[in-house]
Amino acid sequence: MSSNYLRHLFPEEEVYHFRSSVLIIINKPWSSIGEREQQLLEKILLAVRVSIAQVHILHLSNVTAQNLVNYNPDRVIVFGADTEELPLYQSIKKDSFSIVKADALEELDDARKKSLWVALKALFGIA
């Protein structure tokens, strides 16, 4: 079978395009995220009924709506990365997705966690 036929059977853009409805942006590489912060992220996601295996995690230092559109998310949570003037701990509708900006995982104290929880309930429609 020629490779020309295979190209039509399995177009790369369909085979390699994975869509995750939840996109997590972190401010430093995953390898730099400590075990405590990883566990905290897992707990945050479980609270909104999402497993860490269901999300797409990206390290970006600067976040714009334009560089997120290609991932086609429904919801975005930003931890510590610079954003285009988004307020902290508020669910905002941007283009085709909703987004919440929070402090970096290592900076989340009890008061910030409570603010994040309020924003995440709005983001995920939890009563």
N, C-alpha and C. Protein backbone atom coordinates (compact mmCIF):
# COMPACT_ATOMS: atom_id res chain seq x y z
N MET A 1 0.85 -1.17 0.00
CA MET A 1 0.00 0.00 0.00
C MET A 1 0.90 1.24 0.00
N SER A 2 0.57 2.17 -0.84
CA SER A 2 1.41 3.35 -0.93
C SER A 2 1.13 4.30 0.23
N SER A 3 2.12 5.10 0.57
CA SER A 3 1.96 6.05 1.67
C SER A 3 0.93 7.13 1.35
N ASN A 4 0.65 7.33 0.06
CA ASN A 4 -0.37 8.30 -0.33
C ASN A 4 -1.74 7.89 0.21
N TYR A 5 -2.04 6.60 0.19
CA TYR A 5 -3.31 6.11 0.73
C TYR A 5 -3.35 6.30 2.25
N LEU A 6 -2.26 6.02 2.92
CA LEU A 6 -2.22 6.17 4.38
C LEU A 6 -2.45 7.61 4.80
N ARG A 7 -1.96 8.55 4.02
CA ARG A 7 -2.13 9.96 4.35
C ARG A 7 -3.62 10.32 4.38
N HIS A 8 -4.39 9.70 3.51
CA HIS A 8 -5.82 9.99 3.45
C HIS A 8 -6.59 9.21 4.52
N LEU A 9 -6.07 8.09 4.96
CA LEU A 9 -6.73 7.32 6.00
C LEU A 9 -6.54 7.94 7.39
N PHE A 10 -5.34 8.42 7.68
CA PHE A 10 -5.00 8.95 8.99
C PHE A 10 -4.34 10.32 8.87
N PRO A 11 -5.12 11.36 8.60
CA PRO A 11 -4.51 12.69 8.50
C PRO A 11 -3.87 13.08 9.84
N GLU A 12 -2.66 13.60 9.79
CA GLU A 12 -1.94 13.93 11.01
C GLU A 12 -2.68 14.89 11.91
N GLU A 13 -3.35 15.87 11.31
CA GLU A 13 -4.02 16.85 12.16
C GLU A 13 -5.13 16.22 13.00
N GLU A 14 -5.69 15.09 12.57
CA GLU A 14 -6.70 14.40 13.36
C GLU A 14 -6.08 13.40 14.31
N VAL A 15 -5.03 12.74 13.91
CA VAL A 15 -4.40 11.73 14.75
C VAL A 15 -3.69 12.37 15.93
N TYR A 16 -3.02 13.49 15.73
CA TYR A 16 -2.19 14.07 16.77
C TYR A 16 -2.83 15.25 17.48
N HIS A 17 -4.07 15.58 17.14
CA HIS A 17 -4.74 16.70 17.81
C HIS A 17 -5.56 16.16 18.97
N PHE A 18 -5.05 16.36 20.17
CA PHE A 18 -5.76 15.92 21.37
C PHE A 18 -6.44 17.13 21.99
N ARG A 19 -7.71 17.00 22.26
CA ARG A 19 -8.45 18.10 22.84
C ARG A 19 -8.72 17.79 24.30
N SER A 20 -8.44 18.74 25.15
CA SER A 20 -8.77 18.63 26.55
C SER A 20 -9.67 19.81 26.88
N SER A 21 -10.79 19.55 27.51
CA SER A 21 -11.70 20.64 27.81
C SER A 21 -11.17 21.55 28.91
N VAL A 22 -10.22 21.06 29.72
CA VAL A 22 -9.63 21.86 30.80
C VAL A 22 -8.13 22.02 30.53
N LEU A 23 -7.70 23.26 30.50
CA LEU A 23 -6.30 23.59 30.26
C LEU A 23 -5.76 24.25 31.53
N ILE A 24 -4.65 23.73 32.04
CA ILE A 24 -4.00 24.28 33.22
C ILE A 24 -2.70 24.93 32.77
N ILE A 25 -2.52 26.20 33.13
CA ILE A 25 -1.29 26.91 32.81
C ILE A 25 -0.52 27.10 34.11
N ILE A 26 0.74 26.69 34.12
CA ILE A 26 1.59 26.89 35.29
C ILE A 26 2.74 27.81 34.91
N ASN A 27 3.29 28.49 35.90
CA ASN A 27 4.30 29.52 35.65
C ASN A 27 5.72 28.99 35.58
N LYS A 28 5.92 27.71 35.80
CA LYS A 28 7.26 27.13 35.68
C LYS A 28 7.14 25.71 35.17
N PRO A 29 8.22 25.14 34.67
CA PRO A 29 8.14 23.79 34.10
C PRO A 29 7.65 22.76 35.12
N TRP A 30 6.95 21.76 34.64
CA TRP A 30 6.40 20.72 35.51
C TRP A 30 7.50 20.07 36.35
N SER A 31 8.68 19.91 35.79
CA SER A 31 9.78 19.28 36.54
C SER A 31 10.21 20.13 37.74
N SER A 32 9.87 21.42 37.73
CA SER A 32 10.20 22.31 38.85
C SER A 32 9.09 22.38 39.90
N ILE A 33 7.96 21.79 39.60
CA ILE A 33 6.84 21.81 40.53
C ILE A 33 7.08 20.71 41.57
N GLY A 34 7.10 21.11 42.82
CA GLY A 34 7.36 20.15 43.90
C GLY A 34 6.19 19.21 44.13
N GLU A 35 6.46 18.16 44.89
CA GLU A 35 5.43 17.16 45.16
C GLU A 35 4.24 17.78 45.90
N ARG A 36 4.50 18.70 46.81
CA ARG A 36 3.43 19.36 47.55
C ARG A 36 2.49 20.13 46.62
N GLU A 37 3.08 20.85 45.65
CA GLU A 37 2.28 21.62 44.70
C GLU A 37 1.52 20.69 43.75
N GLN A 38 2.15 19.57 43.37
CA GLN A 38 1.47 18.60 42.51
C GLN A 38 0.26 18.02 43.22
N GLN A 39 0.42 17.69 44.49
CA GLN A 39 -0.69 17.15 45.27
C GLN A 39 -1.80 18.19 45.44
N LEU A 40 -1.40 19.44 45.64
CA LEU A 40 -2.38 20.51 45.76
C LEU A 40 -3.17 20.66 44.46
N LEU A 41 -2.50 20.62 43.34
CA LEU A 41 -3.18 20.71 42.05
C LEU A 41 -4.16 19.56 41.87
N GLU A 42 -3.74 18.35 42.24
CA GLU A 42 -4.64 17.20 42.15
C GLU A 42 -5.87 17.39 43.02
N LYS A 43 -5.69 17.91 44.24
CA LYS A 43 -6.83 18.15 45.14
C LYS A 43 -7.76 19.22 44.57
N ILE A 44 -7.19 20.26 44.01
CA ILE A 44 -8.01 21.32 43.40
C ILE A 44 -8.85 20.74 42.27
N LEU A 45 -8.23 19.93 41.42
CA LEU A 45 -8.96 19.34 40.29
C LEU A 45 -10.02 18.35 40.76
N LEU A 46 -9.70 17.55 41.76
CA LEU A 46 -10.68 16.59 42.27
C LEU A 46 -11.88 17.31 42.87
N ALA A 47 -11.66 18.48 43.46
CA ALA A 47 -12.76 19.26 44.04
C ALA A 47 -13.77 19.69 42.97
N VAL A 48 -13.31 19.87 41.74
CA VAL A 48 -14.21 20.23 40.63
C VAL A 48 -14.53 19.02 39.75
N ARG A 49 -14.25 17.84 40.28
CA ARG A 49 -14.59 16.56 39.63
C ARG A 49 -13.86 16.34 38.32
N VAL A 50 -12.59 16.69 38.31
CA VAL A 50 -11.73 16.48 37.14
C VAL A 50 -10.46 15.80 37.62
N SER A 51 -10.03 14.76 36.93
CA SER A 51 -8.78 14.11 37.31
C SER A 51 -7.62 14.79 36.58
N ILE A 52 -6.45 14.67 37.14
CA ILE A 52 -5.27 15.29 36.52
C ILE A 52 -4.99 14.66 35.15
N ALA A 53 -5.44 13.44 34.95
CA ALA A 53 -5.24 12.77 33.65
C ALA A 53 -6.15 13.35 32.57
N GLN A 54 -7.17 14.11 32.96
CA GLN A 54 -8.12 14.66 31.99
C GLN A 54 -7.76 16.07 31.54
N VAL A 55 -6.71 16.65 32.09
CA VAL A 55 -6.36 18.03 31.76
C VAL A 55 -5.10 18.08 30.92
N HIS A 56 -4.93 19.20 30.29
CA HIS A 56 -3.71 19.48 29.53
C HIS A 56 -2.96 20.54 30.35
N ILE A 57 -1.72 20.24 30.73
CA ILE A 57 -0.93 21.16 31.55
C ILE A 57 0.17 21.77 30.69
N LEU A 58 0.23 23.11 30.69
CA LEU A 58 1.22 23.83 29.90
C LEU A 58 2.03 24.76 30.80
N HIS A 59 3.29 24.89 30.48
CA HIS A 59 4.12 25.90 31.13
C HIS A 59 4.22 27.08 30.17
N LEU A 60 3.63 28.20 30.58
CA LEU A 60 3.71 29.44 29.82
C LEU A 60 3.99 30.57 30.79
N SER A 61 4.90 31.45 30.44
CA SER A 61 5.16 32.59 31.32
C SER A 61 4.24 33.75 31.02
N ASN A 62 3.75 33.83 29.78
CA ASN A 62 2.86 34.91 29.39
C ASN A 62 1.66 34.29 28.67
N VAL A 63 0.46 34.57 29.15
CA VAL A 63 -0.75 33.96 28.61
C VAL A 63 -1.60 35.02 27.92
N THR A 64 -1.95 34.74 26.68
CA THR A 64 -2.90 35.59 25.96
C THR A 64 -3.99 34.68 25.40
N ALA A 65 -5.14 35.27 25.12
CA ALA A 65 -6.23 34.49 24.54
C ALA A 65 -5.80 33.86 23.22
N GLN A 66 -4.96 34.58 22.46
CA GLN A 66 -4.52 34.08 21.16
C GLN A 66 -3.70 32.80 21.28
N ASN A 67 -2.81 32.72 22.29
CA ASN A 67 -1.99 31.51 22.38
C ASN A 67 -2.72 30.35 23.06
N LEU A 68 -3.97 30.56 23.50
CA LEU A 68 -4.75 29.47 24.07
C LEU A 68 -5.79 28.92 23.10
N VAL A 69 -6.18 29.70 22.13
CA VAL A 69 -7.23 29.30 21.18
C VAL A 69 -6.86 28.01 20.46
N ASN A 70 -5.60 27.82 20.12
CA ASN A 70 -5.18 26.61 19.39
C ASN A 70 -5.44 25.33 20.17
N TYR A 71 -5.52 25.43 21.51
CA TYR A 71 -5.77 24.25 22.33
C TYR A 71 -7.26 23.94 22.45
N ASN A 72 -8.10 24.88 22.01
CA ASN A 72 -9.55 24.71 21.98
C ASN A 72 -10.13 24.26 23.33
N PRO A 73 -9.75 24.93 24.43
CA PRO A 73 -10.28 24.51 25.74
C PRO A 73 -11.68 25.09 25.98
N ASP A 74 -12.38 24.48 26.92
CA ASP A 74 -13.63 25.06 27.41
C ASP A 74 -13.34 25.93 28.63
N ARG A 75 -12.39 25.44 29.46
CA ARG A 75 -12.03 26.13 30.69
C ARG A 75 -10.52 26.18 30.83
N VAL A 76 -10.03 27.30 31.37
CA VAL A 76 -8.60 27.49 31.59
C VAL A 76 -8.38 27.97 33.01
N ILE A 77 -7.41 27.36 33.70
CA ILE A 77 -7.00 27.82 35.02
C ILE A 77 -5.53 28.18 34.93
N VAL A 78 -5.21 29.41 35.29
CA VAL A 78 -3.84 29.92 35.21
C VAL A 78 -3.28 30.06 36.61
N PHE A 79 -2.14 29.42 36.86
CA PHE A 79 -1.48 29.51 38.15
C PHE A 79 -0.17 30.29 38.00
N GLY A 80 -0.19 31.55 38.40
CA GLY A 80 1.03 32.34 38.50
C GLY A 80 1.59 32.94 37.23
N ALA A 81 1.08 32.61 36.08
CA ALA A 81 1.61 33.16 34.83
C ALA A 81 1.03 34.56 34.59
N ASP A 82 1.78 35.38 33.87
CA ASP A 82 1.29 36.71 33.50
C ASP A 82 0.15 36.55 32.50
N THR A 83 -0.88 37.36 32.68
CA THR A 83 -2.02 37.34 31.77
C THR A 83 -2.32 38.75 31.30
N GLU A 84 -3.15 38.82 30.32
CA GLU A 84 -3.51 40.13 29.76
C GLU A 84 -4.55 40.82 30.65
N GLU A 85 -4.09 41.32 31.77
CA GLU A 85 -4.90 42.11 32.69
C GLU A 85 -6.16 41.40 33.18
N LEU A 86 -6.06 40.13 33.49
CA LEU A 86 -7.18 39.41 34.08
C LEU A 86 -7.17 39.61 35.58
N PRO A 87 -8.33 39.80 36.19
CA PRO A 87 -8.37 39.91 37.65
C PRO A 87 -8.15 38.54 38.29
N LEU A 88 -7.60 38.53 39.47
CA LEU A 88 -7.39 37.28 40.20
C LEU A 88 -8.73 36.75 40.72
N TYR A 89 -8.85 35.44 40.69
CA TYR A 89 -9.94 34.72 41.33
C TYR A 89 -11.33 35.13 40.86
N GLN A 90 -11.47 35.33 39.55
CA GLN A 90 -12.77 35.60 38.95
C GLN A 90 -12.88 34.79 37.68
N SER A 91 -14.04 34.18 37.47
CA SER A 91 -14.28 33.43 36.24
C SER A 91 -14.70 34.43 35.17
N ILE A 92 -13.89 34.52 34.10
CA ILE A 92 -14.11 35.47 33.02
C ILE A 92 -14.30 34.70 31.71
N LYS A 93 -15.27 35.11 30.92
CA LYS A 93 -15.48 34.52 29.60
C LYS A 93 -14.57 35.25 28.61
N LYS A 94 -13.73 34.50 27.91
CA LYS A 94 -12.81 35.03 26.90
C LYS A 94 -12.99 34.23 25.62
N ASP A 95 -13.30 34.90 24.55
CA ASP A 95 -13.46 34.23 23.26
C ASP A 95 -14.35 32.99 23.41
N SER A 96 -13.79 31.81 23.17
CA SER A 96 -14.58 30.59 23.20
C SER A 96 -14.40 29.78 24.49
N PHE A 97 -13.77 30.37 25.50
CA PHE A 97 -13.53 29.64 26.74
C PHE A 97 -13.69 30.56 27.94
N SER A 98 -13.75 29.96 29.13
CA SER A 98 -13.79 30.70 30.38
C SER A 98 -12.45 30.49 31.08
N ILE A 99 -12.01 31.49 31.84
CA ILE A 99 -10.68 31.45 32.43
C ILE A 99 -10.70 32.00 33.85
N VAL A 100 -9.90 31.38 34.71
CA VAL A 100 -9.67 31.85 36.07
C VAL A 100 -8.17 32.00 36.27
N LYS A 101 -7.78 33.15 36.79
CA LYS A 101 -6.37 33.39 37.10
C LYS A 101 -6.19 33.31 38.60
N ALA A 102 -5.16 32.59 39.02
CA ALA A 102 -4.83 32.44 40.44
C ALA A 102 -3.34 32.68 40.64
N ASP A 103 -2.96 32.84 41.89
CA ASP A 103 -1.54 32.94 42.21
C ASP A 103 -0.87 31.60 41.92
N ALA A 104 0.45 31.59 41.91
CA ALA A 104 1.20 30.35 41.69
C ALA A 104 0.85 29.33 42.77
N LEU A 105 0.95 28.07 42.44
CA LEU A 105 0.57 27.01 43.38
C LEU A 105 1.29 27.14 44.72
N GLU A 106 2.57 27.49 44.70
CA GLU A 106 3.33 27.58 45.95
C GLU A 106 2.93 28.79 46.80
N GLU A 107 2.18 29.73 46.22
CA GLU A 107 1.76 30.93 46.94
C GLU A 107 0.35 30.84 47.51
N LEU A 108 -0.34 29.73 47.26
CA LEU A 108 -1.72 29.61 47.71
C LEU A 108 -1.79 29.32 49.20
N ASP A 109 -2.23 30.31 49.97
CA ASP A 109 -2.49 30.11 51.40
C ASP A 109 -3.99 29.85 51.57
N ASP A 110 -4.45 29.73 52.81
CA ASP A 110 -5.86 29.39 53.05
C ASP A 110 -6.82 30.43 52.47
N ALA A 111 -6.52 31.71 52.63
CA ALA A 111 -7.40 32.77 52.11
C ALA A 111 -7.47 32.71 50.58
N ARG A 112 -6.33 32.52 49.93
CA ARG A 112 -6.30 32.44 48.47
C ARG A 112 -7.00 31.18 47.97
N LYS A 113 -6.86 30.09 48.70
CA LYS A 113 -7.55 28.85 48.32
C LYS A 113 -9.06 29.03 48.37
N LYS A 114 -9.55 29.76 49.38
CA LYS A 114 -10.98 30.03 49.47
C LYS A 114 -11.45 30.88 48.29
N SER A 115 -10.67 31.89 47.93
CA SER A 115 -11.01 32.73 46.78
C SER A 115 -10.99 31.91 45.50
N LEU A 116 -10.01 31.03 45.38
CA LEU A 116 -9.92 30.16 44.20
C LEU A 116 -11.13 29.24 44.13
N TRP A 117 -11.54 28.70 45.25
CA TRP A 117 -12.68 27.79 45.28
C TRP A 117 -13.95 28.50 44.79
N VAL A 118 -14.16 29.74 45.23
CA VAL A 118 -15.33 30.50 44.78
C VAL A 118 -15.28 30.68 43.25
N ALA A 119 -14.12 31.03 42.72
CA ALA A 119 -13.96 31.22 41.27
C ALA A 119 -14.14 29.91 40.52
N LEU A 120 -13.62 28.82 41.05
CA LEU A 120 -13.74 27.53 40.37
C LEU A 120 -15.18 27.02 40.38
N LYS A 121 -15.92 27.31 41.44
CA LYS A 121 -17.33 26.92 41.45
C LYS A 121 -18.08 27.63 40.32
N ALA A 122 -17.75 28.90 40.10
CA ALA A 122 -18.38 29.63 38.99
C ALA A 122 -17.91 29.07 37.65
N LEU A 123 -16.62 28.77 37.54
CA LEU A 123 -16.06 28.25 36.29
C LEU A 123 -16.67 26.92 35.89
N PHE A 124 -16.88 26.03 36.88
CA PHE A 124 -17.38 24.69 36.60
C PHE A 124 -18.87 24.53 36.86
N GLY A 125 -19.55 25.62 37.23
CA GLY A 125 -20.98 25.55 37.47
C GLY A 125 -21.38 24.69 38.65
N ILE A 126 -20.61 24.77 39.71
CA ILE A 126 -20.90 24.00 40.92
C ILE A 126 -21.67 24.88 41.89
N ALA A 127 -22.77 24.35 42.40
CA ALA A 127 -23.61 25.13 43.32
C ALA A 127 -23.02 25.17 44.72
